[in-house]
Amino acid sequence: MKADLRDQAQGFGLLSDPTRLGILSLLAKGPKNITALCKALGLKPPTASHHLGLLRMGRLVVGTRQGKSVVYSTGFWQRHAG
């Protein structure tokens, strides 16, 4: 029970940042690469990478390599397929 509550608290903590909410909002509309995310949110790549890393660690976002770039998505469909 306590572990579940800790996981939920961590998830809410990840969602408490406006930048991460913006990233998730964009990714909810479809997969995007870091260039598209930076352009849409007015972020510098290191800032976007930092927030994407936190979202990946929280399993809210997944990255898929496509050639030389990585395309990010919410991962919802990968988790709920089947």
C-alpha atoms as a PDB file:
ATOM      1  CA  MET A   1       0.000   0.000   0.000  1.00  0.00           C
ATOM      2  CA  LYS A   2       2.733   2.498   0.929  1.00  0.00           C
ATOM      3  CA  ALA A   3       4.661   1.698  -2.262  1.00  0.00           C
ATOM      4  CA  ASP A   4       1.539   2.403  -4.327  1.00  0.00           C
ATOM      5  CA  LEU A   5       1.061   5.715  -2.570  1.00  0.00           C
ATOM      6  CA  ARG A   6       4.702   6.642  -3.177  1.00  0.00           C
ATOM      7  CA  ASP A   7       4.313   5.845  -6.883  1.00  0.00           C
ATOM      8  CA  GLN A   8       1.180   7.969  -7.068  1.00  0.00           C
ATOM      9  CA  ALA A   9       2.859  10.854  -5.251  1.00  0.00           C
ATOM     10  CA  GLN A  10       5.806  10.682  -7.654  1.00  0.00           C
ATOM     11  CA  GLY A  11       3.418  10.759 -10.619  1.00  0.00           C
ATOM     12  CA  PHE A  12       1.627  13.817  -9.253  1.00  0.00           C
ATOM     13  CA  GLY A  13       4.999  15.459  -8.635  1.00  0.00           C
ATOM     14  CA  LEU A  14       5.919  14.949 -12.285  1.00  0.00           C
ATOM     15  CA  LEU A  15       2.627  16.531 -13.318  1.00  0.00           C
ATOM     16  CA  SER A  16       3.092  19.561 -11.070  1.00  0.00           C
ATOM     17  CA  ASP A  17       5.464  21.289 -13.494  1.00  0.00           C
ATOM     18  CA  PRO A  18       3.962  23.461 -16.271  1.00  0.00           C
ATOM     19  CA  THR A  19       6.701  22.511 -18.755  1.00  0.00           C
ATOM     20  CA  ARG A  20       6.085  18.793 -18.265  1.00  0.00           C
ATOM     21  CA  LEU A  21       2.331  19.335 -18.565  1.00  0.00           C
ATOM     22  CA  GLY A  22       2.945  21.185 -21.835  1.00  0.00           C
ATOM     23  CA  ILE A  23       5.060  18.323 -23.152  1.00  0.00           C
ATOM     24  CA  LEU A  24       2.422  15.769 -22.191  1.00  0.00           C
ATOM     25  CA  SER A  25      -0.320  17.898 -23.740  1.00  0.00           C
ATOM     26  CA  LEU A  26       1.523  18.020 -27.057  1.00  0.00           C
ATOM     27  CA  LEU A  27       2.365  14.325 -26.986  1.00  0.00           C
ATOM     28  CA  ALA A  28      -1.277  13.477 -26.267  1.00  0.00           C
ATOM     29  CA  LYS A  29      -1.997  14.818 -29.766  1.00  0.00           C
ATOM     30  CA  GLY A  30       0.616  12.536 -31.318  1.00  0.00           C
ATOM     31  CA  PRO A  31       4.304  11.601 -31.307  1.00  0.00           C
ATOM     32  CA  LYS A  32       6.848  14.420 -31.641  1.00  0.00           C
ATOM     33  CA  ASN A  33      10.608  14.774 -31.791  1.00  0.00           C
ATOM     34  CA  ILE A  34      12.525  17.150 -29.551  1.00  0.00           C
ATOM     35  CA  THR A  35      12.740  19.813 -32.269  1.00  0.00           C
ATOM     36  CA  ALA A  36       8.950  19.969 -32.560  1.00  0.00           C
ATOM     37  CA  LEU A  37       8.533  20.064 -28.779  1.00  0.00           C
ATOM     38  CA  CYS A  38      11.094  22.857 -28.402  1.00  0.00           C
ATOM     39  CA  LYS A  39       9.507  24.916 -31.173  1.00  0.00           C
ATOM     40  CA  ALA A  40       5.968  24.514 -29.825  1.00  0.00           C
ATOM     41  CA  LEU A  41       6.901  25.274 -26.210  1.00  0.00           C
ATOM     42  CA  GLY A  42       9.709  27.779 -26.766  1.00  0.00           C
ATOM     43  CA  LEU A  43      12.242  25.582 -24.964  1.00  0.00           C
ATOM     44  CA  LYS A  44      15.940  25.060 -25.448  1.00  0.00           C
ATOM     45  CA  PRO A  45      16.901  21.432 -26.217  1.00  0.00           C
ATOM     46  CA  PRO A  46      18.733  20.836 -22.895  1.00  0.00           C
ATOM     47  CA  THR A  47      15.660  21.971 -20.963  1.00  0.00           C
ATOM     48  CA  ALA A  48      13.336  19.771 -23.004  1.00  0.00           C
ATOM     49  CA  SER A  49      15.715  16.823 -22.638  1.00  0.00           C
ATOM     50  CA  HIS A  50      15.780  17.236 -18.868  1.00  0.00           C
ATOM     51  CA  HIS A  51      12.000  17.208 -18.596  1.00  0.00           C
ATOM     52  CA  LEU A  52      11.647  14.337 -21.071  1.00  0.00           C
ATOM     53  CA  GLY A  53      14.140  12.340 -19.002  1.00  0.00           C
ATOM     54  CA  LEU A  54      12.035  12.825 -15.884  1.00  0.00           C
ATOM     55  CA  LEU A  55       8.878  11.858 -17.732  1.00  0.00           C
ATOM     56  CA  ARG A  56      10.600   8.754 -19.141  1.00  0.00           C
ATOM     57  CA  MET A  57      11.790   7.715 -15.679  1.00  0.00           C
ATOM     58  CA  GLY A  58       8.212   8.135 -14.447  1.00  0.00           C
ATOM     59  CA  ARG A  59       7.042   5.975 -17.367  1.00  0.00           C
ATOM     60  CA  LEU A  60       4.758   8.716 -18.645  1.00  0.00           C
ATOM     61  CA  VAL A  61       6.681   9.109 -21.919  1.00  0.00           C
ATOM     62  CA  VAL A  62       8.523   6.678 -24.165  1.00  0.00           C
ATOM     63  CA  GLY A  63      11.143   7.457 -26.780  1.00  0.00           C
ATOM     64  CA  THR A  64      11.513   5.479 -29.999  1.00  0.00           C
ATOM     65  CA  ARG A  65      14.619   5.871 -32.119  1.00  0.00           C
ATOM     66  CA  GLN A  66      13.887   6.658 -35.758  1.00  0.00           C
ATOM     67  CA  GLY A  67      17.109   7.023 -37.667  1.00  0.00           C
ATOM     68  CA  LYS A  68      19.239   9.660 -35.963  1.00  0.00           C
ATOM     69  CA  SER A  69      16.431  11.159 -33.908  1.00  0.00           C
ATOM     70  CA  VAL A  70      14.117  10.035 -31.135  1.00  0.00           C
ATOM     71  CA  VAL A  71      10.358  10.399 -31.380  1.00  0.00           C
ATOM     72  CA  TYR A  72       8.513  10.729 -28.085  1.00  0.00           C
ATOM     73  CA  SER A  73       4.989   9.635 -27.265  1.00  0.00           C
ATOM     74  CA  THR A  74       2.898   9.254 -24.148  1.00  0.00           C
ATOM     75  CA  GLY A  75       3.352   5.481 -24.252  1.00  0.00           C
ATOM     76  CA  PHE A  76      -0.339   5.023 -23.516  1.00  0.00           C
ATOM     77  CA  TRP A  77      -0.954   2.845 -26.537  1.00  0.00           C
ATOM     78  CA  GLN A  78       2.107   0.674 -25.904  1.00  0.00           C
ATOM     79  CA  ARG A  79       0.955   0.033 -22.317  1.00  0.00           C
ATOM     80  CA  HIS A  80      -2.686  -0.632 -23.228  1.00  0.00           C
ATOM     81  CA  ALA A  81      -2.361  -2.507 -26.514  1.00  0.00           C
ATOM     82  CA  GLY A  82      -3.480  -6.008 -26.747  1.00  0.00           C
END
